[in-house]
PDB file of N, CA and C in Angstrom:
ATOM      1  N   MET A   1      16.157 -13.672  -7.479  1.00  0.00           N
ATOM      2  CA  MET A   1      16.139 -12.230  -7.338  1.00  0.00           C
ATOM      3  C   MET A   1      14.775 -11.787  -6.810  1.00  0.00           C
ATOM      4  N   SER A   2      14.804 -10.994  -5.778  1.00  0.00           N
ATOM      5  CA  SER A   2      13.587 -10.492  -5.153  1.00  0.00           C
ATOM      6  C   SER A   2      13.301  -9.093  -5.653  1.00  0.00           C
ATOM      7  N   ILE A   3      12.041  -8.831  -6.027  1.00  0.00           N
ATOM      8  CA  ILE A   3      11.665  -7.506  -6.468  1.00  0.00           C
ATOM      9  C   ILE A   3      10.880  -6.759  -5.391  1.00  0.00           C
ATOM     10  N   GLU A   4      10.728  -7.366  -4.233  1.00  0.00           N
ATOM     11  CA  GLU A   4      10.008  -6.707  -3.144  1.00  0.00           C
ATOM     12  C   GLU A   4      10.804  -5.495  -2.671  1.00  0.00           C
ATOM     13  N   ASN A   5      10.153  -4.340  -2.619  1.00  0.00           N
ATOM     14  CA  ASN A   5      10.852  -3.136  -2.181  1.00  0.00           C
ATOM     15  C   ASN A   5      10.112  -2.443  -1.021  1.00  0.00           C
ATOM     16  N   VAL A   6       9.147  -3.123  -0.416  1.00  0.00           N
ATOM     17  CA  VAL A   6       8.410  -2.584   0.715  1.00  0.00           C
ATOM     18  C   VAL A   6       8.681  -3.465   1.924  1.00  0.00           C
ATOM     19  N   GLY A   7       9.270  -2.909   2.955  1.00  0.00           N
ATOM     20  CA  GLY A   7       9.571  -3.649   4.164  1.00  0.00           C
ATOM     21  C   GLY A   7       8.351  -3.940   5.002  1.00  0.00           C
ATOM     22  N   TRP A   8       8.528  -4.735   6.056  1.00  0.00           N
ATOM     23  CA  TRP A   8       7.380  -5.144   6.872  1.00  0.00           C
ATOM     24  C   TRP A   8       6.795  -3.986   7.647  1.00  0.00           C
ATOM     25  N   ARG A   9       7.623  -3.051   8.118  1.00  0.00           N
ATOM     26  CA  ARG A   9       7.093  -1.886   8.833  1.00  0.00           C
ATOM     27  C   ARG A   9       6.311  -0.993   7.869  1.00  0.00           C
ATOM     28  N   ASP A  10       6.876  -0.780   6.721  1.00  0.00           N
ATOM     29  CA  ASP A  10       6.210   0.023   5.705  1.00  0.00           C
ATOM     30  C   ASP A  10       4.885  -0.622   5.288  1.00  0.00           C
ATOM     31  N   ALA A  11       4.857  -1.940   5.142  1.00  0.00           N
ATOM     32  CA  ALA A  11       3.636  -2.650   4.783  1.00  0.00           C
ATOM     33  C   ALA A  11       2.588  -2.519   5.879  1.00  0.00           C
ATOM     34  N   GLY A  12       3.015  -2.554   7.139  1.00  0.00           N
ATOM     35  CA  GLY A  12       2.062  -2.374   8.247  1.00  0.00           C
ATOM     36  C   GLY A  12       1.453  -1.001   8.270  1.00  0.00           C
ATOM     37  N   ILE A  13       2.278   0.009   8.047  1.00  0.00           N
ATOM     38  CA  ILE A  13       1.776   1.384   8.011  1.00  0.00           C
ATOM     39  C   ILE A  13       0.824   1.555   6.849  1.00  0.00           C
ATOM     40  N   ARG A  14       1.188   0.974   5.715  1.00  0.00           N
ATOM     41  CA  ARG A  14       0.309   1.049   4.529  1.00  0.00           C
ATOM     42  C   ARG A  14      -1.045   0.360   4.795  1.00  0.00           C
ATOM     43  N   SER A  15      -1.009  -0.763   5.502  1.00  0.00           N
ATOM     44  CA  SER A  15      -2.245  -1.471   5.797  1.00  0.00           C
ATOM     45  C   SER A  15      -3.184  -0.631   6.652  1.00  0.00           C
ATOM     46  N   PHE A  16      -2.646   0.004   7.693  1.00  0.00           N
ATOM     47  CA  PHE A  16      -3.481   0.857   8.537  1.00  0.00           C
ATOM     48  C   PHE A  16      -4.012   2.055   7.768  1.00  0.00           C
ATOM     49  N   ALA A  17      -3.139   2.672   6.955  1.00  0.00           N
ATOM     50  CA  ALA A  17      -3.560   3.827   6.165  1.00  0.00           C
ATOM     51  C   ALA A  17      -4.641   3.409   5.157  1.00  0.00           C
ATOM     52  N   ALA A  18      -4.474   2.275   4.531  1.00  0.00           N
ATOM     53  CA  ALA A  18      -5.473   1.801   3.555  1.00  0.00           C
ATOM     54  C   ALA A  18      -6.808   1.494   4.251  1.00  0.00           C
ATOM     55  N   GLY A  19      -6.742   0.917   5.423  1.00  0.00           N
ATOM     56  CA  GLY A  19      -7.965   0.668   6.178  1.00  0.00           C
ATOM     57  C   GLY A  19      -8.699   1.948   6.501  1.00  0.00           C
ATOM     58  N   GLY A  20      -7.951   2.982   6.888  1.00  0.00           N
ATOM     59  CA  GLY A  20      -8.550   4.286   7.144  1.00  0.00           C
ATOM     60  C   GLY A  20      -9.169   4.889   5.907  1.00  0.00           C
ATOM     61  N   LEU A  21      -8.474   4.755   4.771  1.00  0.00           N
ATOM     62  CA  LEU A  21      -9.021   5.285   3.523  1.00  0.00           C
ATOM     63  C   LEU A  21     -10.291   4.547   3.110  1.00  0.00           C
ATOM     64  N   LEU A  22     -10.307   3.239   3.292  1.00  0.00           N
ATOM     65  CA  LEU A  22     -11.478   2.465   2.917  1.00  0.00           C
ATOM     66  C   LEU A  22     -12.667   2.764   3.830  1.00  0.00           C
ATOM     67  N   LEU A  23     -12.397   2.946   5.129  1.00  0.00           N
ATOM     68  CA  LEU A  23     -13.464   3.314   6.044  1.00  0.00           C
ATOM     69  C   LEU A  23     -13.998   4.724   5.727  1.00  0.00           C
ATOM     70  N   THR A  24     -13.088   5.636   5.406  1.00  0.00           N
ATOM     71  CA  THR A  24     -13.513   6.984   5.025  1.00  0.00           C
ATOM     72  C   THR A  24     -14.360   6.936   3.780  1.00  0.00           C
ATOM     73  N   SER A  25     -13.966   6.124   2.836  1.00  0.00           N
ATOM     74  CA  SER A  25     -14.725   5.987   1.584  1.00  0.00           C
ATOM     75  C   SER A  25     -16.122   5.421   1.843  1.00  0.00           C
ATOM     76  N   ALA A  26     -16.222   4.502   2.775  1.00  0.00           N
ATOM     77  CA  ALA A  26     -17.508   3.873   3.080  1.00  0.00           C
ATOM     78  C   ALA A  26     -18.490   4.863   3.693  1.00  0.00           C
ATOM     79  N   TYR A  27     -17.991   5.857   4.407  1.00  0.00           N
ATOM     80  CA  TYR A  27     -18.857   6.803   5.091  1.00  0.00           C
ATOM     81  C   TYR A  27     -19.075   8.110   4.320  1.00  0.00           C
ATOM     82  N   MET A  28     -18.626   8.190   3.080  1.00  0.00           N
ATOM     83  CA  MET A  28     -18.802   9.402   2.289  1.00  0.00           C
ATOM     84  C   MET A  28     -19.998   9.263   1.348  1.00  0.00           C
ATOM     85  N   GLY A  29     -21.165   9.015   1.895  1.00  0.00           N
ATOM     86  CA  GLY A  29     -22.363   8.797   1.100  1.00  0.00           C
ATOM     87  C   GLY A  29     -22.835  10.001   0.313  1.00  0.00           C
ATOM     88  N   LYS A  30     -22.561  11.202   0.801  1.00  0.00           N
ATOM     89  CA  LYS A  30     -23.049  12.413   0.117  1.00  0.00           C
ATOM     90  C   LYS A  30     -22.179  12.801  -1.083  1.00  0.00           C
ATOM     91  N   HIS A  31     -20.973  12.250  -1.145  1.00  0.00           N
ATOM     92  CA  HIS A  31     -20.049  12.581  -2.238  1.00  0.00           C
ATOM     93  C   HIS A  31     -19.549  11.301  -2.892  1.00  0.00           C
ATOM     94  N   PRO A  32     -20.354  10.689  -3.754  1.00  0.00           N
ATOM     95  CA  PRO A  32     -19.988   9.373  -4.286  1.00  0.00           C
ATOM     96  C   PRO A  32     -18.733   9.363  -5.156  1.00  0.00           C
ATOM     97  N   LEU A  33     -18.460  10.405  -5.927  1.00  0.00           N
ATOM     98  CA  LEU A  33     -17.259  10.411  -6.774  1.00  0.00           C
ATOM     99  C   LEU A  33     -15.986  10.524  -5.947  1.00  0.00           C
ATOM    100  N   ILE A  34     -16.046  11.353  -4.909  1.00  0.00           N
ATOM    101  CA  ILE A  34     -14.893  11.473  -3.998  1.00  0.00           C
ATOM    102  C   ILE A  34     -14.703  10.154  -3.266  1.00  0.00           C
ATOM    103  N   ALA A  35     -15.806   9.540  -2.824  1.00  0.00           N
ATOM    104  CA  ALA A  35     -15.718   8.247  -2.126  1.00  0.00           C
ATOM    105  C   ALA A  35     -15.100   7.190  -3.046  1.00  0.00           C
ATOM    106  N   LEU A  36     -15.471   7.200  -4.313  1.00  0.00           N
ATOM    107  CA  LEU A  36     -14.898   6.243  -5.262  1.00  0.00           C
ATOM    108  C   LEU A  36     -13.395   6.457  -5.417  1.00  0.00           C
ATOM    109  N   GLY A  37     -12.982   7.711  -5.520  1.00  0.00           N
ATOM    110  CA  GLY A  37     -11.547   8.017  -5.633  1.00  0.00           C
ATOM    111  C   GLY A  37     -10.772   7.625  -4.405  1.00  0.00           C
ATOM    112  N   VAL A  38     -11.301   7.937  -3.245  1.00  0.00           N
ATOM    113  CA  VAL A  38     -10.626   7.577  -1.968  1.00  0.00           C
ATOM    114  C   VAL A  38     -10.572   6.061  -1.822  1.00  0.00           C
ATOM    115  N   GLY A  39     -11.653   5.397  -2.180  1.00  0.00           N
ATOM    116  CA  GLY A  39     -11.676   3.932  -2.107  1.00  0.00           C
ATOM    117  C   GLY A  39     -10.673   3.293  -3.059  1.00  0.00           C
ATOM    118  N   PHE A  40     -10.554   3.849  -4.262  1.00  0.00           N
ATOM    119  CA  PHE A  40      -9.576   3.319  -5.218  1.00  0.00           C
ATOM    120  C   PHE A  40      -8.150   3.488  -4.703  1.00  0.00           C
ATOM    121  N   ILE A  41      -7.860   4.657  -4.133  1.00  0.00           N
ATOM    122  CA  ILE A  41      -6.518   4.860  -3.560  1.00  0.00           C
ATOM    123  C   ILE A  41      -6.271   3.885  -2.417  1.00  0.00           C
ATOM    124  N   GLY A  42      -7.309   3.623  -1.598  1.00  0.00           N
ATOM    125  CA  GLY A  42      -7.171   2.666  -0.506  1.00  0.00           C
ATOM    126  C   GLY A  42      -6.882   1.260  -1.003  1.00  0.00           C
ATOM    127  N   VAL A  43      -7.562   0.860  -2.096  1.00  0.00           N
ATOM    128  CA  VAL A  43      -7.318  -0.476  -2.661  1.00  0.00           C
ATOM    129  C   VAL A  43      -5.890  -0.581  -3.220  1.00  0.00           C
ATOM    130  N   VAL A  44      -5.418   0.464  -3.873  1.00  0.00           N
ATOM    131  CA  VAL A  44      -4.051   0.447  -4.407  1.00  0.00           C
ATOM    132  C   VAL A  44      -3.031   0.385  -3.272  1.00  0.00           C
ATOM    133  N   VAL A  45      -3.245   1.131  -2.215  1.00  0.00           N
ATOM    134  CA  VAL A  45      -2.310   1.120  -1.088  1.00  0.00           C
ATOM    135  C   VAL A  45      -2.308  -0.237  -0.405  1.00  0.00           C
ATOM    136  N   ILE A  46      -3.473  -0.862  -0.217  1.00  0.00           N
ATOM    137  CA  ILE A  46      -3.502  -2.165   0.424  1.00  0.00           C
ATOM    138  C   ILE A  46      -2.876  -3.221  -0.499  1.00  0.00           C
ATOM    139  N   GLY A  47      -2.991  -3.043  -1.806  1.00  0.00           N
ATOM    140  CA  GLY A  47      -2.336  -3.946  -2.738  1.00  0.00           C
ATOM    141  C   GLY A  47      -0.829  -3.869  -2.642  1.00  0.00           C
ATOM    142  N   THR A  48      -0.288  -2.652  -2.503  1.00  0.00           N
ATOM    143  CA  THR A  48       1.148  -2.527  -2.362  1.00  0.00           C
ATOM    144  C   THR A  48       1.630  -3.098  -1.032  1.00  0.00           C
ATOM    145  N   ALA A  49       0.792  -3.038  -0.019  1.00  0.00           N
ATOM    146  CA  ALA A  49       1.159  -3.627   1.284  1.00  0.00           C
ATOM    147  C   ALA A  49       1.138  -5.152   1.210  1.00  0.00           C
ATOM    148  N   LEU A  50       0.156  -5.724   0.550  1.00  0.00           N
ATOM    149  CA  LEU A  50       0.043  -7.184   0.484  1.00  0.00           C
ATOM    150  C   LEU A  50       1.102  -7.802  -0.408  1.00  0.00           C
ATOM    151  N   PHE A  51       1.392  -7.173  -1.549  1.00  0.00           N
ATOM    152  CA  PHE A  51       2.382  -7.744  -2.473  1.00  0.00           C
ATOM    153  C   PHE A  51       3.775  -7.239  -2.209  1.00  0.00           C
ATOM    154  N   ARG A  52       3.899  -6.226  -1.362  1.00  0.00           N
ATOM    155  CA  ARG A  52       5.186  -5.657  -0.934  1.00  0.00           C
ATOM    156  C   ARG A  52       5.999  -5.132  -2.100  1.00  0.00           C
ATOM    157  N   VAL A  53       5.294  -4.597  -3.093  1.00  0.00           N
ATOM    158  CA  VAL A  53       5.957  -3.995  -4.250  1.00  0.00           C
ATOM    159  C   VAL A  53       5.268  -2.645  -4.505  1.00  0.00           C
ATOM    160  N   CYS A  54       6.062  -1.581  -4.546  1.00  0.00           N
ATOM    161  CA  CYS A  54       5.524  -0.253  -4.829  1.00  0.00           C
ATOM    162  C   CYS A  54       6.160   0.283  -6.110  1.00  0.00           C
ATOM    163  N   PRO A  55       5.335   0.534  -7.138  1.00  0.00           N
ATOM    164  CA  PRO A  55       5.876   1.048  -8.390  1.00  0.00           C
ATOM    165  C   PRO A  55       6.593   2.384  -8.238  1.00  0.00           C
ATOM    166  N   LEU A  56       6.103   3.254  -7.362  1.00  0.00           N
ATOM    167  CA  LEU A  56       6.786   4.536  -7.153  1.00  0.00           C
ATOM    168  C   LEU A  56       8.147   4.351  -6.503  1.00  0.00           C
ATOM    169  N   TYR A  57       8.263   3.403  -5.586  1.00  0.00           N
ATOM    170  CA  TYR A  57       9.549   3.104  -4.988  1.00  0.00           C
ATOM    171  C   TYR A  57      10.532   2.626  -6.059  1.00  0.00           C
ATOM    172  N   THR A  58      10.054   1.809  -6.994  1.00  0.00           N
ATOM    173  CA  THR A  58      10.904   1.320  -8.080  1.00  0.00           C
ATOM    174  C   THR A  58      11.342   2.487  -8.959  1.00  0.00           C
ATOM    175  N   LEU A  59      10.422   3.373  -9.262  1.00  0.00           N
ATOM    176  CA  LEU A  59      10.713   4.522 -10.113  1.00  0.00           C
ATOM    177  C   LEU A  59      11.775   5.442  -9.490  1.00  0.00           C
ATOM    178  N   PHE A  60      11.655   5.690  -8.181  1.00  0.00           N
ATOM    179  CA  PHE A  60      12.580   6.586  -7.511  1.00  0.00           C
ATOM    180  C   PHE A  60      13.762   5.887  -6.852  1.00  0.00           C
ATOM    181  N   GLY A  61      13.819   4.562  -6.924  1.00  0.00           N
ATOM    182  CA  GLY A  61      14.961   3.818  -6.388  1.00  0.00           C
ATOM    183  C   GLY A  61      14.939   3.623  -4.890  1.00  0.00           C
ATOM    184  N   PHE A  62      13.770   3.731  -4.253  1.00  0.00           N
ATOM    185  CA  PHE A  62      13.678   3.487  -2.804  1.00  0.00           C
ATOM    186  C   PHE A  62      13.539   1.996  -2.533  1.00  0.00           C
ATOM    187  N   ASN A  63      13.965   1.589  -1.347  1.00  0.00           N
ATOM    188  CA  ASN A  63      13.821   0.213  -0.927  1.00  0.00           C
ATOM    189  C   ASN A  63      13.810   0.181   0.603  1.00  0.00           C
ATOM    190  N   THR A  64      12.669  -0.175   1.204  1.00  0.00           N
ATOM    191  CA  THR A  64      12.578  -0.261   2.644  1.00  0.00           C
ATOM    192  C   THR A  64      12.632  -1.707   3.134  1.00  0.00           C
ATOM    193  N   ASN A  65      12.855  -2.629   2.215  1.00  0.00           N
ATOM    194  CA  ASN A  65      12.918  -4.036   2.547  1.00  0.00           C
ATOM    195  C   ASN A  65      14.372  -4.399   2.850  1.00  0.00           C
ATOM    196  N   SER A  66      14.646  -4.861   4.070  1.00  0.00           N
ATOM    197  CA  SER A  66      15.988  -5.240   4.434  1.00  0.00           C
ATOM    198  C   SER A  66      16.313  -6.610   3.874  1.00  0.00           C
ATOM    199  N   PRO A  67      17.554  -6.849   3.473  1.00  0.00           N
ATOM    200  CA  PRO A  67      17.922  -8.154   2.896  1.00  0.00           C
ATOM    201  C   PRO A  67      17.727  -9.327   3.861  1.00  0.00           C
ATOM    202  N   SER A  68      17.874  -9.094   5.171  1.00  0.00           N
ATOM    203  CA  SER A  68      17.703 -10.181   6.127  1.00  0.00           C
ATOM    204  C   SER A  68      16.256 -10.568   6.332  1.00  0.00           C
ATOM    205  N   ALA A  69      15.307  -9.709   5.910  1.00  0.00           N
ATOM    206  CA  ALA A  69      13.889  -9.999   6.113  1.00  0.00           C
ATOM    207  C   ALA A  69      13.222 -10.651   4.927  1.00  0.00           C
ATOM    208  N   THR A  70      13.965 -10.902   3.862  1.00  0.00           N
ATOM    209  CA  THR A  70      13.370 -11.497   2.665  1.00  0.00           C
ATOM    210  C   THR A  70      13.173 -12.986   2.843  1.00  0.00           C
ATOM    211  N   ARG A  71      12.201 -13.531   2.103  1.00  0.00           N
ATOM    212  CA  ARG A  71      11.951 -14.956   2.145  1.00  0.00           C
ATOM    213  C   ARG A  71      12.990 -15.704   1.313  1.00  0.00           C
ATOM    214  N   PRO A  72      13.396 -16.886   1.760  1.00  0.00           N
ATOM    215  CA  PRO A  72      14.351 -17.651   0.945  1.00  0.00           C
ATOM    216  C   PRO A  72      13.663 -18.173  -0.310  1.00  0.00           C
ATOM    217  N   ASN A  73      14.416 -18.247  -1.407  1.00  0.00           N
ATOM    218  CA  ASN A  73      13.855 -18.738  -2.658  1.00  0.00           C
ATOM    219  C   ASN A  73      13.891 -20.250  -2.743  1.00  0.00           C
TER     220      ASN A  73
END
């Protein structure tokens, strides 16, 4: 049984978005608390892209992972 609920396109979009958030966080020197928050969100988003599991998708019943794209067990 596969619990992956993030498809490859969704993971790619998440990776780019997380990269943007992390770069934004790196350049927010004047606002360290906001930079920390943005960086944390970026790390969470890149984690969901790498592991292809999104807790919010599970909570709301979404699944962008197609059955033909899953890895064989």
